[in-house]
Amino acid sequence: MAEQHVSAFAAEEARFRAMIGSHDETLVRTAVAAIRPLREAGKLLRATDTGEVERALREIVSGRSTPSREEGYTWLLELLAPTLGNPVGEVVLPGRGWHDLEGALRSWGLTTLAQL
């Protein structure tokens, strides 16, 4: 049975918006360099291809991001959130039936997880 790993980060929206048109090469290089160790640690699901990540980040920092981009950009959050935000916590949910935990999740104050 597959497990679902959920990590939460608190980050200010302004930090993400500031990336748009910033021409921040350090951000691009740092994010691309982080891929391999995060991938090897099993921390990435989607942002694992360095070329794809670099292209998407360059679109953002150059100010040429496209809202209609087929893949969008939200998939970059798993890579950027640990850098731009503070970890709040993580949980491993069983692959099936975890929705049965809705009551427990609500009682623990994890309403966002309960709504999934």
C-alpha atoms as a PDB file:
ATOM      1  CA  MET A   1       0.000   0.000   0.000  1.00  0.00           C
ATOM      2  CA  ALA A   2       1.398   3.392  -0.991  1.00  0.00           C
ATOM      3  CA  GLU A   3       1.753   6.090   1.624  1.00  0.00           C
ATOM      4  CA  GLN A   4       1.045   9.780   1.198  1.00  0.00           C
ATOM      5  CA  HIS A   5       3.568  12.221   2.628  1.00  0.00           C
ATOM      6  CA  VAL A   6       2.256  15.696   3.405  1.00  0.00           C
ATOM      7  CA  SER A   7       4.562  18.530   4.463  1.00  0.00           C
ATOM      8  CA  ALA A   8       3.384  21.974   5.473  1.00  0.00           C
ATOM      9  CA  PHE A   9       5.305  25.236   5.362  1.00  0.00           C
ATOM     10  CA  ALA A  10       4.407  28.735   6.487  1.00  0.00           C
ATOM     11  CA  ALA A  11       5.603  31.256   3.921  1.00  0.00           C
ATOM     12  CA  GLU A  12       4.704  34.825   3.154  1.00  0.00           C
ATOM     13  CA  GLU A  13       3.063  35.232  -0.220  1.00  0.00           C
ATOM     14  CA  ALA A  14       5.174  38.339  -0.802  1.00  0.00           C
ATOM     15  CA  ARG A  15       8.351  36.214  -0.852  1.00  0.00           C
ATOM     16  CA  PHE A  16       6.983  34.172  -3.749  1.00  0.00           C
ATOM     17  CA  ARG A  17       5.653  37.222  -5.599  1.00  0.00           C
ATOM     18  CA  ALA A  18       9.037  38.929  -5.208  1.00  0.00           C
ATOM     19  CA  MET A  19      10.586  36.204  -7.383  1.00  0.00           C
ATOM     20  CA  ILE A  20       8.646  37.409 -10.447  1.00  0.00           C
ATOM     21  CA  GLY A  21      10.949  39.530 -12.583  1.00  0.00           C
ATOM     22  CA  SER A  22      13.631  39.554  -9.870  1.00  0.00           C
ATOM     23  CA  HIS A  23      16.415  38.257 -12.186  1.00  0.00           C
ATOM     24  CA  ASP A  24      17.622  36.345  -9.112  1.00  0.00           C
ATOM     25  CA  GLU A  25      20.237  33.956 -10.491  1.00  0.00           C
ATOM     26  CA  THR A  26      21.157  32.836  -6.976  1.00  0.00           C
ATOM     27  CA  LEU A  27      17.606  31.583  -6.458  1.00  0.00           C
ATOM     28  CA  VAL A  28      17.727  29.578  -9.687  1.00  0.00           C
ATOM     29  CA  ARG A  29      21.168  28.089  -8.957  1.00  0.00           C
ATOM     30  CA  THR A  30      20.289  27.297  -5.328  1.00  0.00           C
ATOM     31  CA  ALA A  31      17.007  25.615  -6.259  1.00  0.00           C
ATOM     32  CA  VAL A  32      18.573  23.559  -9.043  1.00  0.00           C
ATOM     33  CA  ALA A  33      21.449  22.506  -6.751  1.00  0.00           C
ATOM     34  CA  ALA A  34      18.948  21.372  -4.103  1.00  0.00           C
ATOM     35  CA  ILE A  35      17.180  18.946  -6.433  1.00  0.00           C
ATOM     36  CA  ARG A  36      19.602  16.037  -6.258  1.00  0.00           C
ATOM     37  CA  PRO A  37      19.927  15.797  -2.449  1.00  0.00           C
ATOM     38  CA  LEU A  38      16.173  16.311  -1.969  1.00  0.00           C
ATOM     39  CA  ARG A  39      15.376  13.724  -4.643  1.00  0.00           C
ATOM     40  CA  GLU A  40      17.778  11.217  -3.067  1.00  0.00           C
ATOM     41  CA  ALA A  41      16.174  11.840   0.335  1.00  0.00           C
ATOM     42  CA  GLY A  42      12.749  11.125  -1.166  1.00  0.00           C
ATOM     43  CA  LYS A  43      11.519  14.679  -0.519  1.00  0.00           C
ATOM     44  CA  LEU A  44      10.463  15.515  -4.088  1.00  0.00           C
ATOM     45  CA  LEU A  45       7.624  14.099  -6.145  1.00  0.00           C
ATOM     46  CA  ARG A  46       7.454  16.298  -9.222  1.00  0.00           C
ATOM     47  CA  ALA A  47      10.323  18.826  -9.231  1.00  0.00           C
ATOM     48  CA  THR A  48      13.030  16.281 -10.019  1.00  0.00           C
ATOM     49  CA  ASP A  49      14.178  17.195 -13.531  1.00  0.00           C
ATOM     50  CA  THR A  50      16.851  19.905 -13.279  1.00  0.00           C
ATOM     51  CA  GLY A  51      16.294  21.139 -16.844  1.00  0.00           C
ATOM     52  CA  GLU A  52      12.538  21.445 -16.382  1.00  0.00           C
ATOM     53  CA  VAL A  53      12.935  23.196 -13.024  1.00  0.00           C
ATOM     54  CA  GLU A  54      15.530  25.601 -14.373  1.00  0.00           C
ATOM     55  CA  ARG A  55      13.356  26.537 -17.387  1.00  0.00           C
ATOM     56  CA  ALA A  56      10.320  27.179 -15.183  1.00  0.00           C
ATOM     57  CA  LEU A  57      12.290  29.215 -12.639  1.00  0.00           C
ATOM     58  CA  ARG A  58      13.928  31.282 -15.384  1.00  0.00           C
ATOM     59  CA  GLU A  59      10.479  32.109 -16.759  1.00  0.00           C
ATOM     60  CA  ILE A  60       9.499  33.354 -13.304  1.00  0.00           C
ATOM     61  CA  VAL A  61      12.622  35.360 -12.432  1.00  0.00           C
ATOM     62  CA  SER A  62      12.763  36.896 -15.912  1.00  0.00           C
ATOM     63  CA  GLY A  63       9.173  38.107 -15.557  1.00  0.00           C
ATOM     64  CA  ARG A  64       8.067  35.975 -18.510  1.00  0.00           C
ATOM     65  CA  SER A  65       5.920  33.531 -16.562  1.00  0.00           C
ATOM     66  CA  THR A  66       2.781  32.512 -18.386  1.00  0.00           C
ATOM     67  CA  PRO A  67      -0.435  31.978 -16.404  1.00  0.00           C
ATOM     68  CA  SER A  68      -1.685  29.646 -19.133  1.00  0.00           C
ATOM     69  CA  ARG A  69       1.439  27.423 -18.918  1.00  0.00           C
ATOM     70  CA  GLU A  70       0.174  23.859 -19.318  1.00  0.00           C
ATOM     71  CA  GLU A  71       2.031  22.505 -16.281  1.00  0.00           C
ATOM     72  CA  GLY A  72       1.568  25.695 -14.268  1.00  0.00           C
ATOM     73  CA  TYR A  73       4.116  26.558 -11.604  1.00  0.00           C
ATOM     74  CA  THR A  74       2.601  25.224  -8.371  1.00  0.00           C
ATOM     75  CA  TRP A  75       4.615  22.026  -8.735  1.00  0.00           C
ATOM     76  CA  LEU A  76       7.692  24.106  -7.841  1.00  0.00           C
ATOM     77  CA  LEU A  77       6.350  24.677  -4.324  1.00  0.00           C
ATOM     78  CA  GLU A  78       7.708  21.355  -3.072  1.00  0.00           C
ATOM     79  CA  LEU A  79      11.186  22.598  -3.986  1.00  0.00           C
ATOM     80  CA  LEU A  80      10.829  26.280  -3.033  1.00  0.00           C
ATOM     81  CA  ALA A  81       8.748  26.090   0.162  1.00  0.00           C
ATOM     82  CA  PRO A  82      11.547  24.651   2.332  1.00  0.00           C
ATOM     83  CA  THR A  83      13.775  27.550   1.244  1.00  0.00           C
ATOM     84  CA  LEU A  84      11.278  30.412   1.344  1.00  0.00           C
ATOM     85  CA  GLY A  85       9.173  29.229   4.267  1.00  0.00           C
ATOM     86  CA  ASN A  86       9.367  27.686   7.691  1.00  0.00           C
ATOM     87  CA  PRO A  87       8.410  24.043   8.207  1.00  0.00           C
ATOM     88  CA  VAL A  88       5.191  23.623  10.175  1.00  0.00           C
ATOM     89  CA  GLY A  89       5.119  19.845  10.198  1.00  0.00           C
ATOM     90  CA  GLU A  90       4.646  16.731   8.191  1.00  0.00           C
ATOM     91  CA  VAL A  91       2.516  13.641   8.332  1.00  0.00           C
ATOM     92  CA  VAL A  92       2.532  10.275   6.593  1.00  0.00           C
ATOM     93  CA  LEU A  93      -0.926   9.033   5.702  1.00  0.00           C
ATOM     94  CA  PRO A  94      -1.782   5.488   4.698  1.00  0.00           C
ATOM     95  CA  GLY A  95      -2.398   5.052   0.992  1.00  0.00           C
ATOM     96  CA  ARG A  96      -6.012   4.056   1.447  1.00  0.00           C
ATOM     97  CA  GLY A  97      -8.645   4.897   3.972  1.00  0.00           C
ATOM     98  CA  TRP A  98      -6.896   7.901   5.462  1.00  0.00           C
ATOM     99  CA  HIS A  99     -10.040   9.917   4.814  1.00  0.00           C
ATOM    100  CA  ASP A 100     -11.518   7.814   7.636  1.00  0.00           C
ATOM    101  CA  LEU A 101      -9.294   9.859   9.939  1.00  0.00           C
ATOM    102  CA  GLU A 102     -11.298  13.031   9.248  1.00  0.00           C
ATOM    103  CA  GLY A 103     -12.742  13.164  12.765  1.00  0.00           C
ATOM    104  CA  ALA A 104      -9.356  12.662  14.396  1.00  0.00           C
ATOM    105  CA  LEU A 105      -7.716  15.244  12.134  1.00  0.00           C
ATOM    106  CA  ARG A 106     -10.403  17.786  13.044  1.00  0.00           C
ATOM    107  CA  SER A 107     -10.019  17.056  16.754  1.00  0.00           C
ATOM    108  CA  TRP A 108      -6.281  17.682  16.441  1.00  0.00           C
ATOM    109  CA  GLY A 109      -6.972  21.039  14.804  1.00  0.00           C
ATOM    110  CA  LEU A 110      -5.794  19.843  11.371  1.00  0.00           C
ATOM    111  CA  THR A 111      -8.876  21.071   9.548  1.00  0.00           C
ATOM    112  CA  THR A 112      -7.132  21.578   6.207  1.00  0.00           C
ATOM    113  CA  LEU A 113      -5.999  17.947   6.150  1.00  0.00           C
ATOM    114  CA  ALA A 114      -9.463  16.844   7.249  1.00  0.00           C
ATOM    115  CA  GLN A 115     -10.958  18.621   4.234  1.00  0.00           C
ATOM    116  CA  LEU A 116      -8.770  16.745   1.742  1.00  0.00           C
END
